[in-house]
Structures are given as structure tokens and as C-alpha cells.
Amino acid sequence: MNPFFIWAHRGASAVAPENTLAAFQLAEAAGADGIELDIQLTRDGVPVVLHDLTLERTTTGRGEVARCSWRALQRLDAGSWFAPAFAGEAIPRLDQVLAWAQDRLRLNLEIKDSAAAAAVLDTLRDFPQANVLVSSFDHPLLERLRGDAPKLPLGFLLETHLWRRGVQRAAECGAQSLHPRCDLVSRPLLAACRQRALAVFAWTVDDRRRLHSLRRLGVDGVFTNHPAASRQLLGRSRSGEASI
């Protein structure tokens, strides 16, 4: 049986503040194979790791990320909203995460727009050994990105029942994988992806029954907020074989 890939969704975000180094470190300790994280750009063009366009939900700041400088973001607390134990946790820059991960873990960088894509490519040039995949719901953006980075692994995010066009575009773009919402996974979708040599990683899976069901269907892995629990349920270490 092939290894089943566990992506830690925004890190170990069930037990630590999402998209922080604390969450990423706990994901690695939990045995995650890779970490999914989100990229936003500051006013001065620095790619930072944050999901929302605005700061209120996960930091002590207010307003749009794109209107703030990196210097201003450095002063914010990105951990205390989750639990007092994480007070003082910072918003990480993308280059800080790449330097931390080195080649130990795969990083799935989700981008939202062309400006973020260009900044990610610029940053990756300084980390040639990084093991990354760039994903987005914006499929035309990924197609444009392919022209700038012919060898960059790409993942097409999908949240519509009209999945056939997404599979076709991903294959034509030379993408490595399709990332459907977990309830959209079906045998026809998997068959279409297998025919086009696309790996399938489903999101976001925190339910035991769904995890086992998807594994039996034949997905290549899942995104989860609970990498430790998923790894325990699958019964293997990060370097081992799946055994459900």
C-alpha cells in the first residue's frame, strides 16, 4: 500500500494558532508529511503567512493586511486569540518558514492573487532546496504561473461539483495534484485524476469515518487540522506505510 500523505492544514491548527511557527512545529512533531499555509502580501510587498485578507480574526491588529507594512505586522500578537499560552506568537514571513522547514517537510503554499504569486517565486529563488507545492482556487492564475515557473509543482484547489473542467485544466497545466473539498470526492473524480496522473488530496478532514472512507476510496492524502490524531488513526510514522 502506498504511503498516505498527511497535510497539516495551517499547521496543527486544532491545538495551536493557525499559520504560526508554533502550529508548524507541532505539526512536524505530530508526524505530518507536509504543511499547508496561506500567503498574503504586506503593503511593502513582503509575503507573510496569514489566511485572511484582514487582521482581526487571528491577530491583535485591525484592517487589511495589504495596507500594513511588515514593520507594523511585526508588533502584532498572532497567538493570544487562540490561547494564553501562545501569547506573543508572531506572524511569520514566508522566508522564515522556508528557512525553518528546509527540506524536512513539504510546504503547500496557497496563493490568492498574482502579486502574491510573484512574491512567492522571488522568495523561492533563495531556497532552491525547498520542497514546495503552490496551490490556488484561482485556476487561471495557476496557468499564468506555469509560464513563469515551468517546473514548479502546482495543486488545483476545487470546491464545486462541476469538477471535470477543473481536472482537465489541472492536467493541461501540468499540475501535480487536485485538491477537492472532501465531500466532492467520488470514484469518477478519482478515476479521471488517475487517468491524468494527478494526485488527489482532499480537504479538510477531521472526522474519523470520513478519513477512513477517503482512504478506502483511494485518495493520496488529506488536509487536516488534527495531524496527530490522523497519524494515529492511520497507524504509521511519517516515514512508514499506511495501515488502517
C-alpha atoms as a PDB file:
ATOM      1  CA  MET A   1       0.000   0.000   0.000  1.00  0.00           C
ATOM      2  CA  ASN A   2       1.342   3.435  -0.938  1.00  0.00           C
ATOM      3  CA  PRO A   3       2.048   5.962   1.817  1.00  0.00           C
ATOM      4  CA  PHE A   4      -0.905   8.175   2.685  1.00  0.00           C
ATOM      5  CA  PHE A   5       0.066  11.848   2.826  1.00  0.00           C
ATOM      6  CA  ILE A   6      -0.977  13.982   5.794  1.00  0.00           C
ATOM      7  CA  TRP A   7      -1.076  17.724   5.177  1.00  0.00           C
ATOM      8  CA  ALA A   8      -1.356  19.781   8.374  1.00  0.00           C
ATOM      9  CA  HIS A   9      -3.948  22.436   7.492  1.00  0.00           C
ATOM     10  CA  ARG A  10      -2.429  25.771   8.523  1.00  0.00           C
ATOM     11  CA  GLY A  11      -0.209  23.661  10.763  1.00  0.00           C
ATOM     12  CA  ALA A  12      -1.574  21.722  13.722  1.00  0.00           C
ATOM     13  CA  SER A  13      -4.347  24.294  13.861  1.00  0.00           C
ATOM     14  CA  ALA A  14      -6.571  22.321  16.226  1.00  0.00           C
ATOM     15  CA  VAL A  15      -4.012  22.673  19.019  1.00  0.00           C
ATOM     16  CA  ALA A  16      -2.128  25.884  18.136  1.00  0.00           C
ATOM     17  CA  PRO A  17      -2.860  29.212  16.445  1.00  0.00           C
ATOM     18  CA  GLU A  18      -3.116  28.647  12.700  1.00  0.00           C
ATOM     19  CA  ASN A  19      -0.349  29.721  10.331  1.00  0.00           C
ATOM     20  CA  THR A  20       2.223  30.295  13.067  1.00  0.00           C
ATOM     21  CA  LEU A  21       5.580  28.675  13.663  1.00  0.00           C
ATOM     22  CA  ALA A  22       4.156  27.120  16.825  1.00  0.00           C
ATOM     23  CA  ALA A  23       1.488  25.354  14.761  1.00  0.00           C
ATOM     24  CA  PHE A  24       4.071  24.251  12.194  1.00  0.00           C
ATOM     25  CA  GLN A  25       6.450  22.885  14.833  1.00  0.00           C
ATOM     26  CA  LEU A  26       3.647  20.924  16.473  1.00  0.00           C
ATOM     27  CA  ALA A  27       2.595  19.575  13.069  1.00  0.00           C
ATOM     28  CA  GLU A  28       6.093  18.266  12.450  1.00  0.00           C
ATOM     29  CA  ALA A  29       6.189  16.707  15.919  1.00  0.00           C
ATOM     30  CA  ALA A  30       2.816  15.075  15.211  1.00  0.00           C
ATOM     31  CA  GLY A  31       4.228  13.308  12.149  1.00  0.00           C
ATOM     32  CA  ALA A  32       2.687  15.418   9.385  1.00  0.00           C
ATOM     33  CA  ASP A  33       4.221  14.873   5.959  1.00  0.00           C
ATOM     34  CA  GLY A  34       3.614  18.444   4.884  1.00  0.00           C
ATOM     35  CA  ILE A  35       2.172  21.759   5.982  1.00  0.00           C
ATOM     36  CA  GLU A  36      -0.420  23.828   4.161  1.00  0.00           C
ATOM     37  CA  LEU A  37      -0.121  27.574   4.688  1.00  0.00           C
ATOM     38  CA  ASP A  38      -1.568  30.753   3.217  1.00  0.00           C
ATOM     39  CA  ILE A  39       0.280  33.705   1.732  1.00  0.00           C
ATOM     40  CA  GLN A  40      -0.697  37.376   1.889  1.00  0.00           C
ATOM     41  CA  LEU A  41       1.337  40.432   0.880  1.00  0.00           C
ATOM     42  CA  THR A  42       2.077  43.452   3.041  1.00  0.00           C
ATOM     43  CA  ARG A  43       1.910  46.988   1.732  1.00  0.00           C
ATOM     44  CA  ASP A  44       5.656  46.876   1.120  1.00  0.00           C
ATOM     45  CA  GLY A  45       5.493  43.579  -0.771  1.00  0.00           C
ATOM     46  CA  VAL A  46       6.615  41.130   1.940  1.00  0.00           C
ATOM     47  CA  PRO A  47       4.961  37.689   1.671  1.00  0.00           C
ATOM     48  CA  VAL A  48       3.615  36.747   5.098  1.00  0.00           C
ATOM     49  CA  VAL A  49       1.797  33.668   6.364  1.00  0.00           C
ATOM     50  CA  LEU A  50      -1.812  34.567   7.114  1.00  0.00           C
ATOM     51  CA  HIS A  51      -5.112  33.239   5.815  1.00  0.00           C
ATOM     52  CA  ASP A  52      -7.449  36.214   5.976  1.00  0.00           C
ATOM     53  CA  LEU A  53      -7.295  39.432   3.987  1.00  0.00           C
ATOM     54  CA  THR A  54      -7.819  41.247   7.286  1.00  0.00           C
ATOM     55  CA  LEU A  55      -6.124  41.022  10.667  1.00  0.00           C
ATOM     56  CA  GLU A  56      -8.951  40.958  13.187  1.00  0.00           C
ATOM     57  CA  ARG A  57      -9.713  37.243  13.463  1.00  0.00           C
ATOM     58  CA  THR A  58      -6.222  35.903  14.203  1.00  0.00           C
ATOM     59  CA  THR A  59      -4.153  38.852  15.442  1.00  0.00           C
ATOM     60  CA  THR A  60      -4.356  41.882  17.690  1.00  0.00           C
ATOM     61  CA  GLY A  61      -4.317  44.134  14.625  1.00  0.00           C
ATOM     62  CA  ARG A  62      -7.092  45.687  12.578  1.00  0.00           C
ATOM     63  CA  GLY A  63      -7.598  46.382   8.911  1.00  0.00           C
ATOM     64  CA  GLU A  64      -6.347  44.863   5.695  1.00  0.00           C
ATOM     65  CA  VAL A  65      -3.008  43.083   5.546  1.00  0.00           C
ATOM     66  CA  ALA A  66      -2.293  44.791   2.214  1.00  0.00           C
ATOM     67  CA  ARG A  67      -2.494  48.209   3.897  1.00  0.00           C
ATOM     68  CA  CYS A  68       0.038  47.361   6.612  1.00  0.00           C
ATOM     69  CA  SER A  69       3.807  47.376   6.420  1.00  0.00           C
ATOM     70  CA  TRP A  70       5.870  44.414   7.550  1.00  0.00           C
ATOM     71  CA  ARG A  71       7.265  46.587  10.349  1.00  0.00           C
ATOM     72  CA  ALA A  72       3.728  47.164  11.658  1.00  0.00           C
ATOM     73  CA  LEU A  73       2.822  43.476  11.451  1.00  0.00           C
ATOM     74  CA  GLN A  74       5.894  42.538  13.479  1.00  0.00           C
ATOM     75  CA  ARG A  75       4.367  44.214  16.511  1.00  0.00           C
ATOM     76  CA  LEU A  76       1.161  42.156  16.448  1.00  0.00           C
ATOM     77  CA  ASP A  77       0.275  39.141  18.572  1.00  0.00           C
ATOM     78  CA  ALA A  78      -0.953  36.226  16.447  1.00  0.00           C
ATOM     79  CA  GLY A  79      -1.336  33.714  19.261  1.00  0.00           C
ATOM     80  CA  SER A  80      -3.308  35.025  22.215  1.00  0.00           C
ATOM     81  CA  TRP A  81      -6.655  34.802  20.360  1.00  0.00           C
ATOM     82  CA  PHE A  82      -6.210  31.022  20.413  1.00  0.00           C
ATOM     83  CA  ALA A  83      -4.992  30.531  23.989  1.00  0.00           C
ATOM     84  CA  PRO A  84      -2.990  32.488  26.583  1.00  0.00           C
ATOM     85  CA  ALA A  85      -0.133  30.000  26.279  1.00  0.00           C
ATOM     86  CA  PHE A  86       0.520  31.281  22.743  1.00  0.00           C
ATOM     87  CA  ALA A  87       0.552  34.983  23.605  1.00  0.00           C
ATOM     88  CA  GLY A  88       3.277  36.780  21.707  1.00  0.00           C
ATOM     89  CA  GLU A  89       3.349  34.350  18.780  1.00  0.00           C
ATOM     90  CA  ALA A  90       4.277  36.324  15.675  1.00  0.00           C
ATOM     91  CA  ILE A  91       3.021  36.431  12.112  1.00  0.00           C
ATOM     92  CA  PRO A  92       5.783  34.639  10.178  1.00  0.00           C
ATOM     93  CA  ARG A  93       7.292  35.751   6.896  1.00  0.00           C
ATOM     94  CA  LEU A  94       7.405  33.167   4.144  1.00  0.00           C
ATOM     95  CA  ASP A  95      11.209  33.178   4.094  1.00  0.00           C
ATOM     96  CA  GLN A  96      11.283  32.433   7.831  1.00  0.00           C
ATOM     97  CA  VAL A  97       9.097  29.373   7.320  1.00  0.00           C
ATOM     98  CA  LEU A  98      11.188  28.177   4.371  1.00  0.00           C
ATOM     99  CA  ALA A  99      14.369  28.572   6.415  1.00  0.00           C
ATOM    100  CA  TRP A 100      12.793  26.619   9.276  1.00  0.00           C
ATOM    101  CA  ALA A 101      11.390  23.783   7.142  1.00  0.00           C
ATOM    102  CA  GLN A 102      14.478  23.410   4.916  1.00  0.00           C
ATOM    103  CA  ASP A 103      13.886  20.128   3.053  1.00  0.00           C
ATOM    104  CA  ARG A 104      12.439  18.191   6.020  1.00  0.00           C
ATOM    105  CA  LEU A 105       8.783  18.882   5.271  1.00  0.00           C
ATOM    106  CA  ARG A 106       6.835  19.665   2.163  1.00  0.00           C
ATOM    107  CA  LEU A 107       5.133  23.061   2.153  1.00  0.00           C
ATOM    108  CA  ASN A 108       1.887  23.741   0.314  1.00  0.00           C
ATOM    109  CA  LEU A 109       1.757  27.483  -0.347  1.00  0.00           C
ATOM    110  CA  GLU A 110      -1.767  28.673  -1.089  1.00  0.00           C
ATOM    111  CA  ILE A 111      -1.824  31.943  -3.015  1.00  0.00           C
ATOM    112  CA  LYS A 112      -4.724  34.287  -3.631  1.00  0.00           C
ATOM    113  CA  ASP A 113      -3.565  36.667  -6.373  1.00  0.00           C
ATOM    114  CA  SER A 114      -0.899  37.454  -8.970  1.00  0.00           C
ATOM    115  CA  ALA A 115       1.041  39.790  -6.703  1.00  0.00           C
ATOM    116  CA  ALA A 116       1.394  37.066  -4.089  1.00  0.00           C
ATOM    117  CA  ALA A 117       2.415  34.571  -6.778  1.00  0.00           C
ATOM    118  CA  ALA A 118       5.222  36.831  -7.999  1.00  0.00           C
ATOM    119  CA  ALA A 119       6.453  37.409  -4.449  1.00  0.00           C
ATOM    120  CA  VAL A 120       6.438  33.672  -3.744  1.00  0.00           C
ATOM    121  CA  LEU A 121       8.532  32.984  -6.850  1.00  0.00           C
ATOM    122  CA  ASP A 122      11.010  35.688  -5.868  1.00  0.00           C
ATOM    123  CA  THR A 123      11.343  34.233  -2.380  1.00  0.00           C
ATOM    124  CA  LEU A 124      11.718  30.648  -3.585  1.00  0.00           C
ATOM    125  CA  ARG A 125      14.780  31.607  -5.641  1.00  0.00           C
ATOM    126  CA  ASP A 126      16.658  31.975  -2.353  1.00  0.00           C
ATOM    127  CA  PHE A 127      15.610  28.470  -1.227  1.00  0.00           C
ATOM    128  CA  PRO A 128      16.460  26.096  -4.097  1.00  0.00           C
ATOM    129  CA  GLN A 129      16.256  23.033  -1.837  1.00  0.00           C
ATOM    130  CA  ALA A 130      12.768  23.832  -0.554  1.00  0.00           C
ATOM    131  CA  ASN A 131      10.167  21.126  -1.129  1.00  0.00           C
ATOM    132  CA  VAL A 132       7.115  23.155  -2.099  1.00  0.00           C
ATOM    133  CA  LEU A 133       3.851  22.977  -3.959  1.00  0.00           C
ATOM    134  CA  VAL A 134       1.870  26.093  -4.885  1.00  0.00           C
ATOM    135  CA  SER A 135      -1.918  25.839  -4.839  1.00  0.00           C
ATOM    136  CA  SER A 136      -4.857  28.120  -5.517  1.00  0.00           C
ATOM    137  CA  PHE A 137      -8.582  28.224  -6.195  1.00  0.00           C
ATOM    138  CA  ASP A 138      -7.739  30.680  -8.983  1.00  0.00           C
ATOM    139  CA  HIS A 139      -7.025  28.287 -11.830  1.00  0.00           C
ATOM    140  CA  PRO A 140      -6.231  30.954 -14.453  1.00  0.00           C
ATOM    141  CA  LEU A 141      -3.651  32.314 -12.004  1.00  0.00           C
ATOM    142  CA  LEU A 142      -2.002  28.890 -11.782  1.00  0.00           C
ATOM    143  CA  GLU A 143      -1.991  28.649 -15.573  1.00  0.00           C
ATOM    144  CA  ARG A 144      -0.208  32.001 -15.802  1.00  0.00           C
ATOM    145  CA  LEU A 145       2.189  30.933 -13.080  1.00  0.00           C
ATOM    146  CA  ARG A 146       3.100  27.851 -15.105  1.00  0.00           C
ATOM    147  CA  GLY A 147       4.542  30.132 -17.792  1.00  0.00           C
ATOM    148  CA  ASP A 148       6.822  31.820 -15.241  1.00  0.00           C
ATOM    149  CA  ALA A 149       7.832  28.606 -13.473  1.00  0.00           C
ATOM    150  CA  PRO A 150       7.637  25.605 -15.823  1.00  0.00           C
ATOM    151  CA  LYS A 151       8.862  23.109 -13.212  1.00  0.00           C
ATOM    152  CA  LEU A 152       7.037  24.389 -10.129  1.00  0.00           C
ATOM    153  CA  PRO A 153       4.675  21.770  -8.635  1.00  0.00           C
ATOM    154  CA  LEU A 154       1.107  23.067  -8.728  1.00  0.00           C
ATOM    155  CA  GLY A 155      -2.101  21.986  -6.970  1.00  0.00           C
ATOM    156  CA  PHE A 156      -5.581  22.941  -8.220  1.00  0.00           C
ATOM    157  CA  LEU A 157      -7.994  23.607  -5.355  1.00  0.00           C
ATOM    158  CA  LEU A 158     -11.596  22.654  -6.073  1.00  0.00           C
ATOM    159  CA  GLU A 159     -14.890  23.377  -4.300  1.00  0.00           C
ATOM    160  CA  THR A 160     -17.507  22.768  -6.995  1.00  0.00           C
ATOM    161  CA  HIS A 161     -19.448  19.713  -8.112  1.00  0.00           C
ATOM    162  CA  LEU A 162     -18.521  20.692 -11.673  1.00  0.00           C
ATOM    163  CA  TRP A 163     -15.124  19.100 -11.211  1.00  0.00           C
ATOM    164  CA  ARG A 164     -14.470  17.803 -14.716  1.00  0.00           C
ATOM    165  CA  ARG A 165     -13.324  21.170 -16.047  1.00  0.00           C
ATOM    166  CA  GLY A 166     -11.005  21.559 -13.065  1.00  0.00           C
ATOM    167  CA  VAL A 167      -9.440  18.161 -13.687  1.00  0.00           C
ATOM    168  CA  GLN A 168      -8.964  18.977 -17.358  1.00  0.00           C
ATOM    169  CA  ARG A 169      -7.349  22.347 -16.641  1.00  0.00           C
ATOM    170  CA  ALA A 170      -5.077  20.856 -13.996  1.00  0.00           C
ATOM    171  CA  ALA A 171      -3.882  18.166 -16.411  1.00  0.00           C
ATOM    172  CA  GLU A 172      -3.366  20.606 -19.275  1.00  0.00           C
ATOM    173  CA  CYS A 173      -1.382  22.866 -16.941  1.00  0.00           C
ATOM    174  CA  GLY A 174       0.905  20.037 -15.918  1.00  0.00           C
ATOM    175  CA  ALA A 175      -0.261  20.250 -12.310  1.00  0.00           C
ATOM    176  CA  GLN A 176       0.867  17.658  -9.818  1.00  0.00           C
ATOM    177  CA  SER A 177      -2.359  17.354  -7.865  1.00  0.00           C
ATOM    178  CA  LEU A 178      -6.031  18.183  -7.463  1.00  0.00           C
ATOM    179  CA  HIS A 179      -7.290  19.318  -4.041  1.00  0.00           C
ATOM    180  CA  PRO A 180     -11.078  18.816  -3.857  1.00  0.00           C
ATOM    181  CA  ARG A 181     -13.301  19.575  -0.894  1.00  0.00           C
ATOM    182  CA  CYS A 182     -13.674  16.270   0.886  1.00  0.00           C
ATOM    183  CA  ASP A 183     -17.405  15.848   0.192  1.00  0.00           C
ATOM    184  CA  LEU A 184     -16.773  16.176  -3.548  1.00  0.00           C
ATOM    185  CA  VAL A 185     -14.534  13.118  -3.771  1.00  0.00           C
ATOM    186  CA  SER A 186     -16.074  10.281  -5.792  1.00  0.00           C
ATOM    187  CA  ARG A 187     -14.948   7.267  -7.728  1.00  0.00           C
ATOM    188  CA  PRO A 188     -15.458   9.037 -11.086  1.00  0.00           C
ATOM    189  CA  LEU A 189     -13.376  12.001  -9.909  1.00  0.00           C
ATOM    190  CA  LEU A 190     -10.596   9.711  -8.711  1.00  0.00           C
ATOM    191  CA  ALA A 191     -10.682   7.717 -11.943  1.00  0.00           C
ATOM    192  CA  ALA A 192     -10.388  10.903 -14.003  1.00  0.00           C
ATOM    193  CA  CYS A 193      -7.429  12.060 -11.915  1.00  0.00           C
ATOM    194  CA  ARG A 194      -5.702   8.677 -12.130  1.00  0.00           C
ATOM    195  CA  GLN A 195      -6.086   8.740 -15.912  1.00  0.00           C
ATOM    196  CA  ARG A 196      -4.283  12.089 -15.975  1.00  0.00           C
ATOM    197  CA  ALA A 197      -1.635  11.205 -13.355  1.00  0.00           C
ATOM    198  CA  LEU A 198      -2.989  13.741 -10.850  1.00  0.00           C
ATOM    199  CA  ALA A 199      -2.632  13.010  -7.149  1.00  0.00           C
ATOM    200  CA  VAL A 200      -5.751  13.736  -5.081  1.00  0.00           C
ATOM    201  CA  PHE A 201      -5.560  15.433  -1.667  1.00  0.00           C
ATOM    202  CA  ALA A 202      -8.930  16.118  -0.009  1.00  0.00           C
ATOM    203  CA  TRP A 203      -9.705  18.958   2.410  1.00  0.00           C
ATOM    204  CA  THR A 204     -10.412  19.436   5.301  1.00  0.00           C
ATOM    205  CA  VAL A 205     -10.769  16.078   7.071  1.00  0.00           C
ATOM    206  CA  ASP A 206     -11.082  15.912  10.850  1.00  0.00           C
ATOM    207  CA  ASP A 207     -13.664  13.151  11.091  1.00  0.00           C
ATOM    208  CA  ARG A 208     -12.516   9.573  11.678  1.00  0.00           C
ATOM    209  CA  ARG A 209     -15.154   7.959   9.481  1.00  0.00           C
ATOM    210  CA  ARG A 210     -14.511  10.307   6.578  1.00  0.00           C
ATOM    211  CA  LEU A 211     -10.760   9.766   6.880  1.00  0.00           C
ATOM    212  CA  HIS A 212     -11.163   6.004   6.624  1.00  0.00           C
ATOM    213  CA  SER A 213     -13.727   6.317   3.831  1.00  0.00           C
ATOM    214  CA  LEU A 214     -11.459   8.536   1.742  1.00  0.00           C
ATOM    215  CA  ARG A 215      -8.517   6.227   2.316  1.00  0.00           C
ATOM    216  CA  ARG A 216     -10.545   3.263   1.111  1.00  0.00           C
ATOM    217  CA  LEU A 217     -11.712   5.210  -1.940  1.00  0.00           C
ATOM    218  CA  GLY A 218      -8.080   5.765  -2.880  1.00  0.00           C
ATOM    219  CA  VAL A 219      -7.209   9.398  -2.267  1.00  0.00           C
ATOM    220  CA  ASP A 220      -3.498  10.072  -1.912  1.00  0.00           C
ATOM    221  CA  GLY A 221      -3.862  12.084   1.270  1.00  0.00           C
ATOM    222  CA  VAL A 222      -5.854  14.668   3.192  1.00  0.00           C
ATOM    223  CA  PHE A 223      -5.592  18.067   4.749  1.00  0.00           C
ATOM    224  CA  THR A 224      -6.412  18.013   8.451  1.00  0.00           C
ATOM    225  CA  ASN A 225      -6.377  20.325  11.453  1.00  0.00           C
ATOM    226  CA  HIS A 226      -5.515  17.284  13.607  1.00  0.00           C
ATOM    227  CA  PRO A 227      -2.340  15.732  12.140  1.00  0.00           C
ATOM    228  CA  ALA A 228      -1.536  13.835  15.353  1.00  0.00           C
ATOM    229  CA  ALA A 229      -4.978  12.207  15.513  1.00  0.00           C
ATOM    230  CA  SER A 230      -4.937  11.406  11.783  1.00  0.00           C
ATOM    231  CA  ARG A 231      -1.492   9.878  12.014  1.00  0.00           C
ATOM    232  CA  GLN A 232      -2.574   7.761  14.980  1.00  0.00           C
ATOM    233  CA  LEU A 233      -5.678   6.556  13.157  1.00  0.00           C
ATOM    234  CA  LEU A 234      -3.626   5.608  10.121  1.00  0.00           C
ATOM    235  CA  GLY A 235      -1.224   3.678  12.309  1.00  0.00           C
ATOM    236  CA  ARG A 236       2.111   4.670  10.859  1.00  0.00           C
ATOM    237  CA  SER A 237       5.001   7.045  11.355  1.00  0.00           C
ATOM    238  CA  ARG A 238       5.775   9.740   8.805  1.00  0.00           C
ATOM    239  CA  SER A 239       8.308   7.548   7.042  1.00  0.00           C
ATOM    240  CA  GLY A 240       6.264   4.355   7.161  1.00  0.00           C
ATOM    241  CA  GLU A 241       3.374   2.742   5.378  1.00  0.00           C
ATOM    242  CA  ALA A 242      -0.293   3.322   5.995  1.00  0.00           C
ATOM    243  CA  SER A 243      -2.208   0.602   7.803  1.00  0.00           C
ATOM    244  CA  ILE A 244      -5.854   1.199   8.541  1.00  0.00           C
END
